[in-house]
Amino acid sequence: MCNRTLQEGLVMEYGSIEREIHVEAAPEIVYEVISSPAHMREWWPDEAHFEPVPGGTGDITFIDKAGAGRTTVPFTVVATEPPRFFSFRWTHPADESANQGNSLLVTFELTPVGEGTRVRFTETGFRERGWEIAALEEQYNEHVKGWDYFIPRLNEYVERLVSSR
C-alpha cells in the first residue's frame, strides 16, 4: 500500500486501499457472492443491477438509512475469471464509459487456502481522477471507512449463506 501521513511537508499519496480476509468457504461460493448482484446486495450496496460478465454495465445504489436519500453510481465489470478473480470500475460519470482516468478500479483475488478462501481486495485510481488534494483526501478517506465496514460484512454474509445450505 502506498500511503503516508502528512508529516514534515510530505503529501499523502492516497494510492490504493488494500484488505485481505480469510473466508471459511470455497472460492466458488465466495466468487458467487462478490460477482452476483443478488448476493452483492446482501453485504455491500442496497441495490445492484449489472451483468457479471466483462463489459457488463449497470449501477449500484446506496440508500441512506436516516432518510437522507439515495446515491446511485455507475458500475462496469472489467474482468471475470471464476472462481479466482473479479474486477469492476465504478464512480465514473453516468454519461461516460468507465476508464482509468474517470473511475476507481476494484479487484477481488480469491485463493484457496485449506477449505476456505483468502480474499485480497484492492481499490485503486484515486490519484488518476484528477481531484484537488482536499477532494482526493475526502474521497479516499470515505472509501477507507466504507470498505472497513463492508469487507467484514462480506465474510459475515458468506458464513450465513454457507450455514443455510
N, C-alpha and C. Protein backbone atom coordinates (compact mmCIF):
# COMPACT_ATOMS: atom_id res chain seq x y z
N MET A 1 0.84 -1.16 0.00
CA MET A 1 0.00 0.00 0.00
C MET A 1 0.89 1.23 0.00
N CYS A 2 0.46 2.26 -0.65
CA CYS A 2 1.31 3.43 -0.84
C CYS A 2 0.68 4.62 -0.13
N ASN A 3 0.69 4.64 1.18
CA ASN A 3 0.05 5.70 1.94
C ASN A 3 1.01 6.25 2.98
N ARG A 4 1.06 7.56 3.09
CA ARG A 4 1.87 8.21 4.11
C ARG A 4 1.01 9.28 4.76
N THR A 5 1.31 9.59 6.00
CA THR A 5 0.60 10.66 6.67
C THR A 5 1.23 11.99 6.31
N LEU A 6 0.54 13.08 6.60
CA LEU A 6 1.08 14.41 6.34
C LEU A 6 2.08 14.74 7.45
N GLN A 7 3.33 14.50 7.18
CA GLN A 7 4.39 14.78 8.14
C GLN A 7 5.52 15.49 7.42
N GLU A 8 6.06 16.50 8.06
CA GLU A 8 7.23 17.19 7.55
C GLU A 8 7.08 17.56 6.07
N GLY A 9 5.89 18.04 5.70
CA GLY A 9 5.68 18.50 4.34
C GLY A 9 5.43 17.42 3.31
N LEU A 10 5.39 16.16 3.72
CA LEU A 10 5.12 15.08 2.78
C LEU A 10 3.63 15.07 2.45
N VAL A 11 3.32 14.88 1.20
CA VAL A 11 1.92 14.83 0.78
C VAL A 11 1.45 13.38 0.78
N MET A 12 0.28 13.16 1.34
CA MET A 12 -0.31 11.83 1.35
C MET A 12 -0.48 11.35 -0.08
N GLU A 13 -0.13 10.11 -0.36
CA GLU A 13 -0.19 9.61 -1.73
C GLU A 13 -1.54 9.05 -2.12
N TYR A 14 -2.31 8.52 -1.20
CA TYR A 14 -3.65 8.00 -1.50
C TYR A 14 -3.67 7.09 -2.71
N GLY A 15 -2.74 6.14 -2.74
CA GLY A 15 -2.61 5.29 -3.92
C GLY A 15 -3.63 4.18 -4.01
N SER A 16 -3.80 3.42 -2.96
CA SER A 16 -4.72 2.29 -3.03
C SER A 16 -5.22 1.93 -1.64
N ILE A 17 -6.31 1.22 -1.65
CA ILE A 17 -6.86 0.63 -0.43
C ILE A 17 -6.74 -0.87 -0.62
N GLU A 18 -6.17 -1.54 0.36
CA GLU A 18 -6.00 -2.98 0.27
C GLU A 18 -6.47 -3.64 1.55
N ARG A 19 -7.18 -4.74 1.39
CA ARG A 19 -7.64 -5.51 2.54
C ARG A 19 -7.48 -6.99 2.19
N GLU A 20 -7.27 -7.80 3.19
CA GLU A 20 -7.18 -9.24 2.99
C GLU A 20 -7.92 -9.91 4.13
N ILE A 21 -8.80 -10.84 3.78
CA ILE A 21 -9.53 -11.59 4.80
C ILE A 21 -9.55 -13.06 4.42
N HIS A 22 -9.81 -13.89 5.40
CA HIS A 22 -9.98 -15.31 5.16
C HIS A 22 -11.46 -15.62 5.35
N VAL A 23 -12.04 -16.35 4.40
CA VAL A 23 -13.45 -16.71 4.44
C VAL A 23 -13.53 -18.23 4.47
N GLU A 24 -14.32 -18.77 5.39
CA GLU A 24 -14.47 -20.22 5.53
C GLU A 24 -15.51 -20.74 4.53
N ALA A 25 -15.15 -20.65 3.25
CA ALA A 25 -15.99 -21.17 2.18
C ALA A 25 -15.11 -21.36 0.96
N ALA A 26 -15.53 -22.23 0.06
CA ALA A 26 -14.78 -22.50 -1.16
C ALA A 26 -14.77 -21.26 -2.06
N PRO A 27 -13.72 -21.10 -2.87
CA PRO A 27 -13.65 -19.96 -3.78
C PRO A 27 -14.88 -19.84 -4.68
N GLU A 28 -15.49 -20.95 -5.08
CA GLU A 28 -16.67 -20.90 -5.94
C GLU A 28 -17.82 -20.16 -5.26
N ILE A 29 -18.00 -20.39 -3.97
CA ILE A 29 -19.06 -19.71 -3.22
C ILE A 29 -18.72 -18.24 -3.04
N VAL A 30 -17.48 -17.95 -2.67
CA VAL A 30 -17.07 -16.56 -2.46
C VAL A 30 -17.18 -15.78 -3.77
N TYR A 31 -16.77 -16.39 -4.86
CA TYR A 31 -16.86 -15.73 -6.16
C TYR A 31 -18.31 -15.36 -6.47
N GLU A 32 -19.20 -16.28 -6.24
CA GLU A 32 -20.63 -16.03 -6.47
C GLU A 32 -21.10 -14.82 -5.65
N VAL A 33 -20.66 -14.73 -4.42
CA VAL A 33 -21.08 -13.65 -3.52
C VAL A 33 -20.53 -12.29 -3.95
N ILE A 34 -19.31 -12.25 -4.49
CA ILE A 34 -18.74 -10.96 -4.88
C ILE A 34 -19.13 -10.53 -6.29
N SER A 35 -19.64 -11.46 -7.10
CA SER A 35 -19.92 -11.12 -8.50
C SER A 35 -21.39 -11.12 -8.88
N SER A 36 -22.24 -11.64 -8.05
CA SER A 36 -23.67 -11.72 -8.35
C SER A 36 -24.41 -10.54 -7.72
N PRO A 37 -25.17 -9.77 -8.52
CA PRO A 37 -25.91 -8.65 -7.94
C PRO A 37 -26.81 -9.07 -6.78
N ALA A 38 -27.46 -10.22 -6.89
CA ALA A 38 -28.36 -10.67 -5.82
C ALA A 38 -27.61 -10.89 -4.51
N HIS A 39 -26.43 -11.49 -4.58
CA HIS A 39 -25.63 -11.70 -3.37
C HIS A 39 -24.97 -10.40 -2.91
N MET A 40 -24.49 -9.63 -3.86
CA MET A 40 -23.80 -8.39 -3.52
C MET A 40 -24.69 -7.47 -2.67
N ARG A 41 -25.98 -7.45 -2.97
CA ARG A 41 -26.92 -6.60 -2.21
C ARG A 41 -26.99 -6.99 -0.74
N GLU A 42 -26.56 -8.17 -0.41
CA GLU A 42 -26.64 -8.65 0.97
C GLU A 42 -25.48 -8.16 1.84
N TRP A 43 -24.41 -7.69 1.20
CA TRP A 43 -23.26 -7.26 2.02
C TRP A 43 -22.71 -5.89 1.63
N TRP A 44 -23.05 -5.38 0.45
CA TRP A 44 -22.47 -4.09 0.04
C TRP A 44 -23.54 -3.07 -0.31
N PRO A 45 -23.93 -2.89 -1.58
CA PRO A 45 -24.92 -1.85 -1.87
C PRO A 45 -26.32 -2.36 -1.54
N ASP A 46 -27.24 -1.42 -1.44
CA ASP A 46 -28.63 -1.78 -1.19
C ASP A 46 -29.30 -2.32 -2.46
N GLU A 47 -28.85 -1.86 -3.59
CA GLU A 47 -29.36 -2.33 -4.88
C GLU A 47 -28.18 -2.51 -5.83
N ALA A 48 -28.26 -3.50 -6.71
CA ALA A 48 -27.21 -3.74 -7.70
C ALA A 48 -27.86 -4.29 -8.96
N HIS A 49 -27.53 -3.66 -10.09
CA HIS A 49 -28.09 -4.08 -11.37
C HIS A 49 -26.96 -4.06 -12.40
N PHE A 50 -26.49 -5.24 -12.81
CA PHE A 50 -25.45 -5.35 -13.83
C PHE A 50 -25.33 -6.81 -14.24
N GLU A 51 -24.79 -7.02 -15.41
CA GLU A 51 -24.48 -8.37 -15.87
C GLU A 51 -23.05 -8.68 -15.42
N PRO A 52 -22.83 -9.78 -14.71
CA PRO A 52 -21.49 -10.09 -14.20
C PRO A 52 -20.58 -10.74 -15.24
N VAL A 53 -20.44 -10.05 -16.38
CA VAL A 53 -19.57 -10.51 -17.46
C VAL A 53 -18.68 -9.34 -17.86
N PRO A 54 -17.49 -9.60 -18.40
CA PRO A 54 -16.63 -8.49 -18.83
C PRO A 54 -17.38 -7.54 -19.76
N GLY A 55 -17.33 -6.26 -19.43
CA GLY A 55 -18.04 -5.24 -20.19
C GLY A 55 -19.46 -5.01 -19.73
N GLY A 56 -19.96 -5.84 -18.82
CA GLY A 56 -21.31 -5.66 -18.30
C GLY A 56 -21.42 -4.34 -17.55
N THR A 57 -22.46 -3.59 -17.85
CA THR A 57 -22.64 -2.29 -17.20
C THR A 57 -23.95 -2.26 -16.43
N GLY A 58 -24.04 -1.32 -15.55
CA GLY A 58 -25.24 -1.14 -14.74
C GLY A 58 -24.97 -0.11 -13.68
N ASP A 59 -25.58 -0.31 -12.52
CA ASP A 59 -25.35 0.62 -11.43
C ASP A 59 -25.58 -0.07 -10.09
N ILE A 60 -25.08 0.60 -9.05
CA ILE A 60 -25.34 0.17 -7.68
C ILE A 60 -25.86 1.37 -6.93
N THR A 61 -26.72 1.10 -5.93
CA THR A 61 -27.36 2.18 -5.17
C THR A 61 -27.19 1.94 -3.68
N PHE A 62 -26.86 3.02 -2.99
CA PHE A 62 -26.78 3.02 -1.54
C PHE A 62 -27.92 3.89 -1.03
N ILE A 63 -28.69 3.38 -0.08
CA ILE A 63 -29.81 4.12 0.48
C ILE A 63 -29.44 4.55 1.89
N ASP A 64 -29.54 5.85 2.14
CA ASP A 64 -29.23 6.39 3.46
C ASP A 64 -30.34 5.96 4.41
N LYS A 65 -29.97 5.19 5.40
CA LYS A 65 -30.96 4.66 6.36
C LYS A 65 -31.62 5.75 7.19
N ALA A 66 -30.97 6.91 7.28
CA ALA A 66 -31.54 8.02 8.05
C ALA A 66 -32.53 8.82 7.20
N GLY A 67 -32.76 8.37 5.97
CA GLY A 67 -33.73 9.04 5.13
C GLY A 67 -33.20 10.21 4.33
N ALA A 68 -31.87 10.32 4.23
CA ALA A 68 -31.28 11.45 3.51
C ALA A 68 -31.23 11.24 2.01
N GLY A 69 -31.68 10.08 1.53
CA GLY A 69 -31.72 9.89 0.09
C GLY A 69 -30.99 8.67 -0.40
N ARG A 70 -30.79 8.66 -1.71
CA ARG A 70 -30.17 7.53 -2.41
C ARG A 70 -28.98 8.04 -3.21
N THR A 71 -27.96 7.23 -3.29
CA THR A 71 -26.82 7.53 -4.14
C THR A 71 -26.65 6.36 -5.10
N THR A 72 -26.79 6.65 -6.38
CA THR A 72 -26.62 5.63 -7.40
C THR A 72 -25.39 5.96 -8.22
N VAL A 73 -24.53 4.96 -8.42
CA VAL A 73 -23.31 5.18 -9.18
C VAL A 73 -23.19 4.12 -10.27
N PRO A 74 -22.62 4.50 -11.42
CA PRO A 74 -22.40 3.54 -12.49
C PRO A 74 -21.40 2.46 -12.09
N PHE A 75 -21.53 1.32 -12.75
CA PHE A 75 -20.75 0.13 -12.40
C PHE A 75 -20.45 -0.60 -13.71
N THR A 76 -19.19 -0.93 -13.95
CA THR A 76 -18.80 -1.65 -15.16
C THR A 76 -17.88 -2.80 -14.80
N VAL A 77 -18.26 -4.01 -15.17
CA VAL A 77 -17.42 -5.18 -14.93
C VAL A 77 -16.23 -5.13 -15.89
N VAL A 78 -15.03 -5.29 -15.34
CA VAL A 78 -13.82 -5.25 -16.15
C VAL A 78 -13.36 -6.65 -16.52
N ALA A 79 -13.21 -7.53 -15.53
CA ALA A 79 -12.69 -8.87 -15.80
C ALA A 79 -13.32 -9.89 -14.86
N THR A 80 -13.52 -11.08 -15.38
CA THR A 80 -14.03 -12.19 -14.58
C THR A 80 -13.20 -13.43 -14.91
N GLU A 81 -12.77 -14.11 -13.86
CA GLU A 81 -12.08 -15.39 -14.01
C GLU A 81 -12.59 -16.30 -12.89
N PRO A 82 -13.82 -16.81 -13.05
CA PRO A 82 -14.39 -17.65 -11.99
C PRO A 82 -13.51 -18.86 -11.72
N PRO A 83 -13.32 -19.25 -10.52
CA PRO A 83 -13.67 -18.60 -9.26
C PRO A 83 -12.50 -17.88 -8.61
N ARG A 84 -11.63 -17.26 -9.41
CA ARG A 84 -10.39 -16.70 -8.88
C ARG A 84 -10.30 -15.18 -8.88
N PHE A 85 -11.02 -14.50 -9.79
CA PHE A 85 -10.78 -13.06 -9.94
C PHE A 85 -12.03 -12.37 -10.46
N PHE A 86 -12.34 -11.22 -9.86
CA PHE A 86 -13.45 -10.39 -10.31
C PHE A 86 -13.02 -8.94 -10.14
N SER A 87 -13.23 -8.12 -11.18
CA SER A 87 -12.89 -6.70 -11.05
C SER A 87 -13.94 -5.85 -11.74
N PHE A 88 -14.06 -4.63 -11.22
CA PHE A 88 -15.02 -3.69 -11.80
C PHE A 88 -14.52 -2.26 -11.60
N ARG A 89 -15.07 -1.37 -12.40
CA ARG A 89 -14.85 0.07 -12.24
C ARG A 89 -16.16 0.68 -11.80
N TRP A 90 -16.04 1.73 -10.96
CA TRP A 90 -17.23 2.42 -10.51
C TRP A 90 -16.92 3.87 -10.21
N THR A 91 -17.93 4.63 -9.95
CA THR A 91 -17.89 6.07 -9.61
C THR A 91 -17.64 6.97 -10.80
N HIS A 92 -17.66 6.45 -12.02
CA HIS A 92 -17.48 7.29 -13.19
C HIS A 92 -18.78 8.05 -13.50
N PRO A 93 -18.71 9.15 -14.24
CA PRO A 93 -19.92 9.86 -14.63
C PRO A 93 -20.86 8.94 -15.41
N ALA A 94 -22.14 9.05 -15.15
CA ALA A 94 -23.13 8.16 -15.76
C ALA A 94 -23.15 8.24 -17.28
N ASP A 95 -22.77 9.38 -17.84
CA ASP A 95 -22.82 9.54 -19.29
C ASP A 95 -21.49 9.20 -19.97
N GLU A 96 -20.55 8.60 -19.23
CA GLU A 96 -19.25 8.24 -19.80
C GLU A 96 -18.96 6.76 -19.56
N SER A 97 -18.19 6.17 -20.47
CA SER A 97 -17.71 4.81 -20.25
C SER A 97 -16.59 4.85 -19.22
N ALA A 98 -16.53 3.82 -18.40
CA ALA A 98 -15.51 3.75 -17.36
C ALA A 98 -14.13 3.59 -17.98
N ASN A 99 -13.16 4.36 -17.48
CA ASN A 99 -11.78 4.21 -17.91
C ASN A 99 -10.86 4.59 -16.75
N GLN A 100 -9.57 4.48 -16.96
CA GLN A 100 -8.59 4.70 -15.90
C GLN A 100 -8.66 6.12 -15.32
N GLY A 101 -9.00 7.11 -16.09
CA GLY A 101 -8.99 8.48 -15.61
C GLY A 101 -10.28 8.97 -14.97
N ASN A 102 -11.38 8.20 -15.10
CA ASN A 102 -12.65 8.71 -14.58
C ASN A 102 -13.34 7.79 -13.59
N SER A 103 -12.66 6.73 -13.14
CA SER A 103 -13.31 5.77 -12.26
C SER A 103 -12.30 5.12 -11.33
N LEU A 104 -12.82 4.42 -10.36
CA LEU A 104 -11.99 3.65 -9.44
C LEU A 104 -12.08 2.18 -9.85
N LEU A 105 -10.96 1.47 -9.72
CA LEU A 105 -10.90 0.06 -10.07
C LEU A 105 -10.86 -0.78 -8.80
N VAL A 106 -11.78 -1.72 -8.69
CA VAL A 106 -11.83 -2.65 -7.56
C VAL A 106 -11.52 -4.04 -8.07
N THR A 107 -10.63 -4.74 -7.37
CA THR A 107 -10.32 -6.13 -7.72
C THR A 107 -10.47 -7.02 -6.50
N PHE A 108 -10.96 -8.22 -6.75
CA PHE A 108 -11.04 -9.27 -5.75
C PHE A 108 -10.25 -10.45 -6.30
N GLU A 109 -9.20 -10.84 -5.59
CA GLU A 109 -8.42 -12.02 -5.94
C GLU A 109 -8.72 -13.09 -4.91
N LEU A 110 -9.13 -14.26 -5.37
CA LEU A 110 -9.52 -15.35 -4.47
C LEU A 110 -8.53 -16.49 -4.60
N THR A 111 -8.01 -16.95 -3.46
CA THR A 111 -7.04 -18.03 -3.44
C THR A 111 -7.51 -19.08 -2.45
N PRO A 112 -7.60 -20.35 -2.89
CA PRO A 112 -8.00 -21.39 -1.94
C PRO A 112 -6.92 -21.57 -0.88
N VAL A 113 -7.36 -21.66 0.37
CA VAL A 113 -6.46 -21.92 1.49
C VAL A 113 -7.17 -22.94 2.38
N GLY A 114 -6.67 -24.16 2.37
CA GLY A 114 -7.35 -25.23 3.10
C GLY A 114 -8.75 -25.40 2.52
N GLU A 115 -9.75 -25.37 3.40
CA GLU A 115 -11.13 -25.48 2.95
C GLU A 115 -11.78 -24.12 2.77
N GLY A 116 -11.00 -23.06 2.94
CA GLY A 116 -11.53 -21.71 2.82
C GLY A 116 -10.91 -20.96 1.66
N THR A 117 -11.05 -19.63 1.72
CA THR A 117 -10.57 -18.77 0.64
C THR A 117 -9.94 -17.52 1.23
N ARG A 118 -8.76 -17.17 0.71
CA ARG A 118 -8.17 -15.88 1.04
C ARG A 118 -8.70 -14.88 0.00
N VAL A 119 -9.29 -13.81 0.48
CA VAL A 119 -9.82 -12.76 -0.38
C VAL A 119 -8.91 -11.56 -0.27
N ARG A 120 -8.31 -11.18 -1.39
CA ARG A 120 -7.47 -9.98 -1.43
C ARG A 120 -8.22 -8.93 -2.22
N PHE A 121 -8.57 -7.85 -1.55
CA PHE A 121 -9.33 -6.75 -2.12
C PHE A 121 -8.39 -5.57 -2.36
N THR A 122 -8.53 -4.91 -3.50
CA THR A 122 -7.76 -3.70 -3.78
C THR A 122 -8.66 -2.70 -4.50
N GLU A 123 -8.57 -1.44 -4.11
CA GLU A 123 -9.24 -0.36 -4.85
C GLU A 123 -8.18 0.68 -5.20
N THR A 124 -8.09 1.01 -6.48
CA THR A 124 -7.10 1.97 -6.96
C THR A 124 -7.76 3.00 -7.87
N GLY A 125 -6.98 4.03 -8.22
CA GLY A 125 -7.46 5.03 -9.18
C GLY A 125 -7.76 6.38 -8.58
N PHE A 126 -7.50 6.55 -7.29
CA PHE A 126 -7.82 7.83 -6.64
C PHE A 126 -7.03 8.98 -7.24
N ARG A 127 -5.73 8.82 -7.36
CA ARG A 127 -4.89 9.90 -7.91
C ARG A 127 -5.22 10.18 -9.37
N GLU A 128 -5.56 9.14 -10.12
CA GLU A 128 -5.84 9.30 -11.54
C GLU A 128 -7.11 10.10 -11.82
N ARG A 129 -7.95 10.28 -10.83
CA ARG A 129 -9.20 11.01 -11.03
C ARG A 129 -8.97 12.51 -11.24
N GLY A 130 -7.81 13.01 -10.86
CA GLY A 130 -7.51 14.42 -11.07
C GLY A 130 -8.15 15.35 -10.07
N TRP A 131 -8.59 14.82 -8.93
CA TRP A 131 -9.21 15.63 -7.90
C TRP A 131 -8.18 16.56 -7.25
N GLU A 132 -8.63 17.71 -6.79
CA GLU A 132 -7.81 18.57 -5.94
C GLU A 132 -7.50 17.78 -4.67
N ILE A 133 -6.42 18.14 -3.98
CA ILE A 133 -5.96 17.35 -2.83
C ILE A 133 -7.04 17.20 -1.76
N ALA A 134 -7.82 18.24 -1.49
CA ALA A 134 -8.86 18.13 -0.46
C ALA A 134 -9.93 17.12 -0.87
N ALA A 135 -10.34 17.14 -2.12
CA ALA A 135 -11.35 16.20 -2.61
C ALA A 135 -10.77 14.79 -2.65
N LEU A 136 -9.52 14.65 -3.06
CA LEU A 136 -8.85 13.36 -3.09
C LEU A 136 -8.81 12.76 -1.69
N GLU A 137 -8.38 13.56 -0.73
CA GLU A 137 -8.30 13.09 0.65
C GLU A 137 -9.67 12.68 1.17
N GLU A 138 -10.68 13.50 0.90
CA GLU A 138 -12.04 13.19 1.37
C GLU A 138 -12.56 11.89 0.75
N GLN A 139 -12.42 11.73 -0.57
CA GLN A 139 -12.89 10.53 -1.25
C GLN A 139 -12.15 9.29 -0.75
N TYR A 140 -10.84 9.41 -0.65
CA TYR A 140 -10.03 8.28 -0.19
C TYR A 140 -10.46 7.86 1.22
N ASN A 141 -10.58 8.82 2.12
CA ASN A 141 -10.96 8.50 3.50
C ASN A 141 -12.36 7.93 3.59
N GLU A 142 -13.29 8.43 2.78
CA GLU A 142 -14.65 7.87 2.75
C GLU A 142 -14.62 6.41 2.29
N HIS A 143 -13.81 6.12 1.30
CA HIS A 143 -13.73 4.75 0.80
C HIS A 143 -13.06 3.83 1.81
N VAL A 144 -12.01 4.31 2.50
CA VAL A 144 -11.38 3.51 3.55
C VAL A 144 -12.43 3.16 4.61
N LYS A 145 -13.16 4.15 5.05
CA LYS A 145 -14.20 3.94 6.06
C LYS A 145 -15.26 2.97 5.55
N GLY A 146 -15.68 3.15 4.31
CA GLY A 146 -16.69 2.28 3.73
C GLY A 146 -16.23 0.83 3.63
N TRP A 147 -15.04 0.62 3.08
CA TRP A 147 -14.56 -0.75 2.93
C TRP A 147 -14.27 -1.39 4.28
N ASP A 148 -13.85 -0.60 5.27
CA ASP A 148 -13.64 -1.14 6.61
C ASP A 148 -14.96 -1.65 7.20
N TYR A 149 -16.06 -1.09 6.76
CA TYR A 149 -17.39 -1.54 7.18
C TYR A 149 -17.86 -2.73 6.33
N PHE A 150 -17.72 -2.63 5.00
CA PHE A 150 -18.32 -3.63 4.11
C PHE A 150 -17.53 -4.93 3.97
N ILE A 151 -16.21 -4.89 3.98
CA ILE A 151 -15.44 -6.13 3.81
C ILE A 151 -15.76 -7.15 4.90
N PRO A 152 -15.84 -6.77 6.18
CA PRO A 152 -16.26 -7.76 7.18
C PRO A 152 -17.68 -8.28 6.93
N ARG A 153 -18.55 -7.45 6.37
CA ARG A 153 -19.92 -7.90 6.05
C ARG A 153 -19.90 -8.99 4.98
N LEU A 154 -18.95 -8.92 4.07
CA LEU A 154 -18.79 -9.97 3.07
C LEU A 154 -18.58 -11.31 3.76
N ASN A 155 -17.66 -11.34 4.69
CA ASN A 155 -17.36 -12.57 5.43
C ASN A 155 -18.58 -13.03 6.22
N GLU A 156 -19.26 -12.12 6.89
CA GLU A 156 -20.45 -12.47 7.68
C GLU A 156 -21.55 -13.05 6.79
N TYR A 157 -21.75 -12.45 5.61
CA TYR A 157 -22.78 -12.95 4.71
C TYR A 157 -22.43 -14.35 4.19
N VAL A 158 -21.18 -14.56 3.81
CA VAL A 158 -20.78 -15.89 3.32
C VAL A 158 -21.01 -16.92 4.41
N GLU A 159 -20.67 -16.60 5.66
CA GLU A 159 -20.89 -17.54 6.76
C GLU A 159 -22.36 -17.88 6.90
N ARG A 160 -23.26 -16.87 6.82
CA ARG A 160 -24.70 -17.12 6.90
C ARG A 160 -25.16 -17.97 5.72
N LEU A 161 -24.66 -17.67 4.54
CA LEU A 161 -25.05 -18.38 3.33
C LEU A 161 -24.64 -19.86 3.42
N VAL A 162 -23.43 -20.12 3.84
CA VAL A 162 -22.92 -21.49 3.92
C VAL A 162 -23.68 -22.28 4.99
N SER A 163 -23.97 -21.65 6.12
CA SER A 163 -24.67 -22.36 7.19
C SER A 163 -26.13 -22.66 6.84
N SER A 164 -26.70 -21.92 5.88
CA SER A 164 -28.10 -22.17 5.50
C SER A 164 -28.22 -23.19 4.37
N ARG A 165 -27.12 -23.62 3.80
CA ARG A 165 -27.17 -24.59 2.69
C ARG A 165 -27.19 -26.00 3.20
